[in-house]
Amino acid sequence: MAISRYIATPILGLGSQRGTSTACAALREAVKSGAISYKESYVKGSERLDTIAADVYGDGRYWWVIAAASDIGWALQVPPGTSIKIPELATTLSIIGSTP
C-alpha cells in the first residue's frame, strides 16, 4: 500500500505524521475563527511564497503555512497583487501539532 500525503500514515512503527490536507484544513479553520493571528500582505513583483516565508519565518519550507492560511492551494508562485495571510508561526505549529 502506498503512503498518502493526505492521511495520517505510520512511519516505520515509530509514530505517525499528520497528512497535509488535515494540517491545512486545521490551519485554515483556525485563521477563519481567529484562533491564529495573522498579518495581511500582498505579493509584490516576482516574490514567491517560499521567499516570503524565508523572510518572515527564517525558513522557506514554511511556504505551505502561508498558502493554507491564504486558501491558495499548492502554488509557490502567485500573481503580483495576490492577497496573502501570514500567520504567527509558533501558534500555527502548536495548533496543527507540528514542531519547527
N, C-alpha and C. Protein backbone atom coordinates (compact mmCIF):
# COMPACT_ATOMS: atom_id res chain seq x y z
N MET A 1 0.84 -1.18 0.00
CA MET A 1 0.00 0.00 0.00
C MET A 1 0.88 1.24 0.00
N ALA A 2 0.58 2.17 -0.85
CA ALA A 2 1.35 3.40 -0.97
C ALA A 2 1.02 4.34 0.19
N ILE A 3 1.99 5.15 0.56
CA ILE A 3 1.77 6.15 1.60
C ILE A 3 1.17 7.38 0.96
N SER A 4 0.09 7.87 1.52
CA SER A 4 -0.57 9.06 1.01
C SER A 4 -0.20 10.25 1.86
N ARG A 5 -0.01 11.38 1.23
CA ARG A 5 0.29 12.58 2.00
C ARG A 5 -0.95 13.22 2.57
N TYR A 6 -2.12 12.64 2.30
CA TYR A 6 -3.37 13.24 2.72
C TYR A 6 -4.00 12.59 3.94
N ILE A 7 -3.36 11.60 4.52
CA ILE A 7 -3.89 10.98 5.73
C ILE A 7 -2.75 10.74 6.71
N ALA A 8 -3.09 10.52 7.97
CA ALA A 8 -2.06 10.18 8.94
C ALA A 8 -1.54 8.79 8.59
N THR A 9 -0.25 8.67 8.42
CA THR A 9 0.34 7.41 7.99
C THR A 9 1.40 6.97 8.99
N PRO A 10 1.51 5.68 9.24
CA PRO A 10 2.55 5.20 10.15
C PRO A 10 3.93 5.37 9.54
N ILE A 11 4.91 5.66 10.39
CA ILE A 11 6.28 5.79 9.93
C ILE A 11 7.10 4.72 10.63
N LEU A 12 7.29 3.60 9.98
CA LEU A 12 8.12 2.51 10.50
C LEU A 12 7.78 2.15 11.94
N GLY A 13 6.55 2.27 12.33
CA GLY A 13 6.13 1.90 13.67
C GLY A 13 6.64 2.85 14.76
N LEU A 14 7.20 3.97 14.37
CA LEU A 14 7.77 4.89 15.36
C LEU A 14 6.82 6.04 15.71
N GLY A 15 5.70 6.09 15.08
CA GLY A 15 4.76 7.17 15.34
C GLY A 15 3.95 7.42 14.09
N SER A 16 3.43 8.60 13.94
CA SER A 16 2.69 8.92 12.74
C SER A 16 2.95 10.37 12.37
N GLN A 17 2.64 10.67 11.14
CA GLN A 17 2.78 12.05 10.69
C GLN A 17 1.39 12.56 10.35
N ARG A 18 1.22 13.84 10.39
CA ARG A 18 -0.07 14.43 10.07
C ARG A 18 -0.10 14.67 8.57
N GLY A 19 -1.12 14.18 7.90
CA GLY A 19 -1.27 14.41 6.47
C GLY A 19 -1.47 15.89 6.19
N THR A 20 -1.00 16.34 5.04
CA THR A 20 -1.06 17.77 4.75
C THR A 20 -2.47 18.31 4.65
N SER A 21 -3.40 17.54 4.12
CA SER A 21 -4.75 18.07 4.00
C SER A 21 -5.37 18.31 5.38
N THR A 22 -5.06 17.46 6.34
CA THR A 22 -5.57 17.63 7.69
C THR A 22 -4.97 18.88 8.33
N ALA A 23 -3.66 19.04 8.18
CA ALA A 23 -2.98 20.21 8.76
C ALA A 23 -3.47 21.50 8.09
N CYS A 24 -3.59 21.49 6.78
CA CYS A 24 -4.03 22.69 6.06
C CYS A 24 -5.46 23.06 6.42
N ALA A 25 -6.32 22.06 6.53
CA ALA A 25 -7.72 22.34 6.90
C ALA A 25 -7.79 22.92 8.31
N ALA A 26 -7.01 22.36 9.23
CA ALA A 26 -6.99 22.87 10.61
C ALA A 26 -6.46 24.30 10.64
N LEU A 27 -5.44 24.57 9.85
CA LEU A 27 -4.86 25.92 9.79
C LEU A 27 -5.86 26.91 9.21
N ARG A 28 -6.50 26.56 8.10
CA ARG A 28 -7.49 27.47 7.51
C ARG A 28 -8.62 27.77 8.49
N GLU A 29 -9.11 26.74 9.19
CA GLU A 29 -10.20 26.94 10.15
C GLU A 29 -9.75 27.84 11.31
N ALA A 30 -8.52 27.64 11.78
CA ALA A 30 -8.01 28.45 12.89
C ALA A 30 -7.84 29.92 12.48
N VAL A 31 -7.43 30.16 11.26
CA VAL A 31 -7.31 31.53 10.76
C VAL A 31 -8.69 32.16 10.65
N LYS A 32 -9.65 31.43 10.06
CA LYS A 32 -11.01 31.95 9.89
C LYS A 32 -11.69 32.24 11.23
N SER A 33 -11.43 31.39 12.24
CA SER A 33 -12.08 31.56 13.54
C SER A 33 -11.38 32.58 14.43
N GLY A 34 -10.19 33.01 14.02
CA GLY A 34 -9.45 33.98 14.82
C GLY A 34 -8.55 33.36 15.87
N ALA A 35 -8.40 32.03 15.85
CA ALA A 35 -7.53 31.35 16.82
C ALA A 35 -6.06 31.62 16.55
N ILE A 36 -5.74 31.99 15.31
CA ILE A 36 -4.37 32.34 14.94
C ILE A 36 -4.39 33.76 14.39
N SER A 37 -3.55 34.61 14.95
CA SER A 37 -3.46 35.96 14.41
C SER A 37 -2.58 35.93 13.17
N TYR A 38 -2.83 36.86 12.27
CA TYR A 38 -2.06 36.91 11.03
C TYR A 38 -1.92 38.35 10.56
N LYS A 39 -0.94 38.53 9.69
CA LYS A 39 -0.71 39.81 9.05
C LYS A 39 -1.13 39.66 7.60
N GLU A 40 -1.90 40.58 7.09
CA GLU A 40 -2.30 40.51 5.68
C GLU A 40 -1.30 41.31 4.86
N SER A 41 -0.95 40.76 3.72
CA SER A 41 0.03 41.40 2.84
C SER A 41 -0.37 41.11 1.40
N TYR A 42 0.37 41.68 0.47
CA TYR A 42 0.15 41.45 -0.95
C TYR A 42 1.46 41.05 -1.60
N VAL A 43 1.39 40.08 -2.48
CA VAL A 43 2.58 39.62 -3.20
C VAL A 43 3.04 40.72 -4.14
N LYS A 44 4.34 40.98 -4.11
CA LYS A 44 4.92 42.03 -4.95
C LYS A 44 5.81 41.42 -6.03
N GLY A 45 5.82 42.01 -7.19
CA GLY A 45 6.74 41.65 -8.27
C GLY A 45 6.92 40.16 -8.47
N SER A 46 8.16 39.72 -8.32
CA SER A 46 8.49 38.32 -8.58
C SER A 46 8.59 37.50 -7.29
N GLU A 47 7.99 37.97 -6.20
CA GLU A 47 8.01 37.21 -4.94
C GLU A 47 7.31 35.88 -5.11
N ARG A 48 7.80 34.89 -4.37
CA ARG A 48 7.15 33.58 -4.28
C ARG A 48 6.87 33.32 -2.81
N LEU A 49 5.97 32.39 -2.55
CA LEU A 49 5.62 32.11 -1.16
C LEU A 49 6.81 31.58 -0.36
N ASP A 50 7.69 30.82 -0.99
CA ASP A 50 8.86 30.32 -0.25
C ASP A 50 9.83 31.44 0.11
N THR A 51 9.97 32.44 -0.75
CA THR A 51 10.86 33.55 -0.41
C THR A 51 10.24 34.44 0.67
N ILE A 52 8.92 34.58 0.63
CA ILE A 52 8.23 35.35 1.68
C ILE A 52 8.36 34.62 3.01
N ALA A 53 8.16 33.29 3.01
CA ALA A 53 8.30 32.51 4.24
C ALA A 53 9.73 32.59 4.78
N ALA A 54 10.71 32.58 3.90
CA ALA A 54 12.10 32.69 4.34
C ALA A 54 12.35 34.05 5.01
N ASP A 55 11.78 35.10 4.44
CA ASP A 55 11.94 36.44 5.03
C ASP A 55 11.23 36.55 6.38
N VAL A 56 10.00 36.03 6.45
CA VAL A 56 9.18 36.20 7.65
C VAL A 56 9.53 35.20 8.74
N TYR A 57 9.67 33.93 8.37
CA TYR A 57 9.87 32.85 9.34
C TYR A 57 11.33 32.41 9.47
N GLY A 58 12.18 32.84 8.52
CA GLY A 58 13.56 32.40 8.54
C GLY A 58 13.74 31.03 7.91
N ASP A 59 12.70 30.48 7.29
CA ASP A 59 12.76 29.16 6.68
C ASP A 59 11.71 29.08 5.56
N GLY A 60 12.18 28.98 4.34
CA GLY A 60 11.30 28.94 3.19
C GLY A 60 10.43 27.70 3.10
N ARG A 61 10.78 26.66 3.89
CA ARG A 61 9.98 25.44 3.87
C ARG A 61 8.59 25.63 4.46
N TYR A 62 8.35 26.74 5.13
CA TYR A 62 7.02 27.02 5.69
C TYR A 62 6.11 27.79 4.73
N TRP A 63 6.43 27.76 3.44
CA TRP A 63 5.59 28.43 2.43
C TRP A 63 4.17 27.90 2.47
N TRP A 64 4.01 26.62 2.78
CA TRP A 64 2.69 26.00 2.78
C TRP A 64 1.79 26.58 3.87
N VAL A 65 2.39 27.12 4.94
CA VAL A 65 1.60 27.75 6.01
C VAL A 65 0.90 28.98 5.45
N ILE A 66 1.64 29.78 4.69
CA ILE A 66 1.06 30.97 4.07
C ILE A 66 0.02 30.57 3.03
N ALA A 67 0.32 29.56 2.24
CA ALA A 67 -0.62 29.10 1.21
C ALA A 67 -1.92 28.60 1.83
N ALA A 68 -1.81 27.80 2.88
CA ALA A 68 -3.00 27.25 3.53
C ALA A 68 -3.82 28.36 4.21
N ALA A 69 -3.15 29.25 4.92
CA ALA A 69 -3.85 30.34 5.61
C ALA A 69 -4.55 31.26 4.61
N SER A 70 -3.95 31.40 3.43
CA SER A 70 -4.49 32.30 2.41
C SER A 70 -5.46 31.60 1.47
N ASP A 71 -5.64 30.28 1.68
CA ASP A 71 -6.53 29.46 0.85
C ASP A 71 -6.12 29.52 -0.62
N ILE A 72 -4.79 29.41 -0.84
CA ILE A 72 -4.23 29.49 -2.18
C ILE A 72 -4.12 28.12 -2.84
N GLY A 73 -3.84 27.11 -2.09
CA GLY A 73 -3.58 25.80 -2.67
C GLY A 73 -2.10 25.50 -2.61
N TRP A 74 -1.58 24.74 -3.57
CA TRP A 74 -0.18 24.32 -3.54
C TRP A 74 0.68 25.07 -4.54
N ALA A 75 0.47 26.34 -4.70
CA ALA A 75 1.26 27.13 -5.64
C ALA A 75 2.32 27.93 -4.90
N LEU A 76 3.57 27.77 -5.31
CA LEU A 76 4.64 28.59 -4.73
C LEU A 76 4.62 30.00 -5.31
N GLN A 77 4.25 30.08 -6.57
CA GLN A 77 4.26 31.37 -7.25
C GLN A 77 2.83 31.78 -7.54
N VAL A 78 2.49 32.97 -7.09
CA VAL A 78 1.15 33.51 -7.32
C VAL A 78 1.31 34.88 -7.97
N PRO A 79 0.29 35.36 -8.66
CA PRO A 79 0.41 36.64 -9.36
C PRO A 79 0.65 37.81 -8.40
N PRO A 80 1.42 38.80 -8.85
CA PRO A 80 1.60 40.00 -8.04
C PRO A 80 0.25 40.61 -7.70
N GLY A 81 0.13 41.12 -6.49
CA GLY A 81 -1.12 41.72 -6.03
C GLY A 81 -2.03 40.75 -5.31
N THR A 82 -1.67 39.46 -5.29
CA THR A 82 -2.48 38.46 -4.59
C THR A 82 -2.44 38.74 -3.09
N SER A 83 -3.60 38.78 -2.46
CA SER A 83 -3.69 38.99 -1.02
C SER A 83 -3.30 37.69 -0.30
N ILE A 84 -2.38 37.80 0.66
CA ILE A 84 -1.97 36.63 1.44
C ILE A 84 -2.08 36.92 2.93
N LYS A 85 -2.27 35.86 3.69
CA LYS A 85 -2.31 35.95 5.15
C LYS A 85 -1.06 35.26 5.67
N ILE A 86 -0.33 35.96 6.51
CA ILE A 86 0.90 35.42 7.08
C ILE A 86 0.66 35.20 8.58
N PRO A 87 0.33 33.95 8.96
CA PRO A 87 0.01 33.68 10.37
C PRO A 87 1.25 33.62 11.25
N GLU A 88 1.03 33.81 12.54
CA GLU A 88 2.10 33.69 13.53
C GLU A 88 2.51 32.21 13.58
N LEU A 89 3.78 31.92 13.38
CA LEU A 89 4.24 30.55 13.16
C LEU A 89 4.15 29.66 14.40
N ALA A 90 4.58 30.12 15.56
CA ALA A 90 4.58 29.27 16.75
C ALA A 90 3.17 28.79 17.10
N THR A 91 2.19 29.69 17.06
CA THR A 91 0.81 29.31 17.35
C THR A 91 0.29 28.37 16.27
N THR A 92 0.63 28.63 15.04
CA THR A 92 0.22 27.79 13.92
C THR A 92 0.71 26.36 14.13
N LEU A 93 1.98 26.19 14.43
CA LEU A 93 2.55 24.86 14.60
C LEU A 93 1.98 24.13 15.81
N SER A 94 1.67 24.89 16.87
CA SER A 94 1.08 24.21 18.03
C SER A 94 -0.34 23.75 17.74
N ILE A 95 -1.09 24.50 16.94
CA ILE A 95 -2.46 24.12 16.61
C ILE A 95 -2.49 22.90 15.70
N ILE A 96 -1.57 22.82 14.76
CA ILE A 96 -1.59 21.68 13.83
C ILE A 96 -0.77 20.50 14.34
N GLY A 97 -0.13 20.67 15.49
CA GLY A 97 0.59 19.55 16.10
C GLY A 97 1.92 19.25 15.44
N SER A 98 2.66 20.29 15.09
CA SER A 98 3.96 20.11 14.44
C SER A 98 5.01 20.88 15.23
N THR A 99 6.27 20.61 14.95
CA THR A 99 7.37 21.35 15.57
C THR A 99 8.27 21.88 14.49
N PRO A 100 8.91 23.02 14.74
CA PRO A 100 9.81 23.59 13.72
C PRO A 100 11.05 22.75 13.53
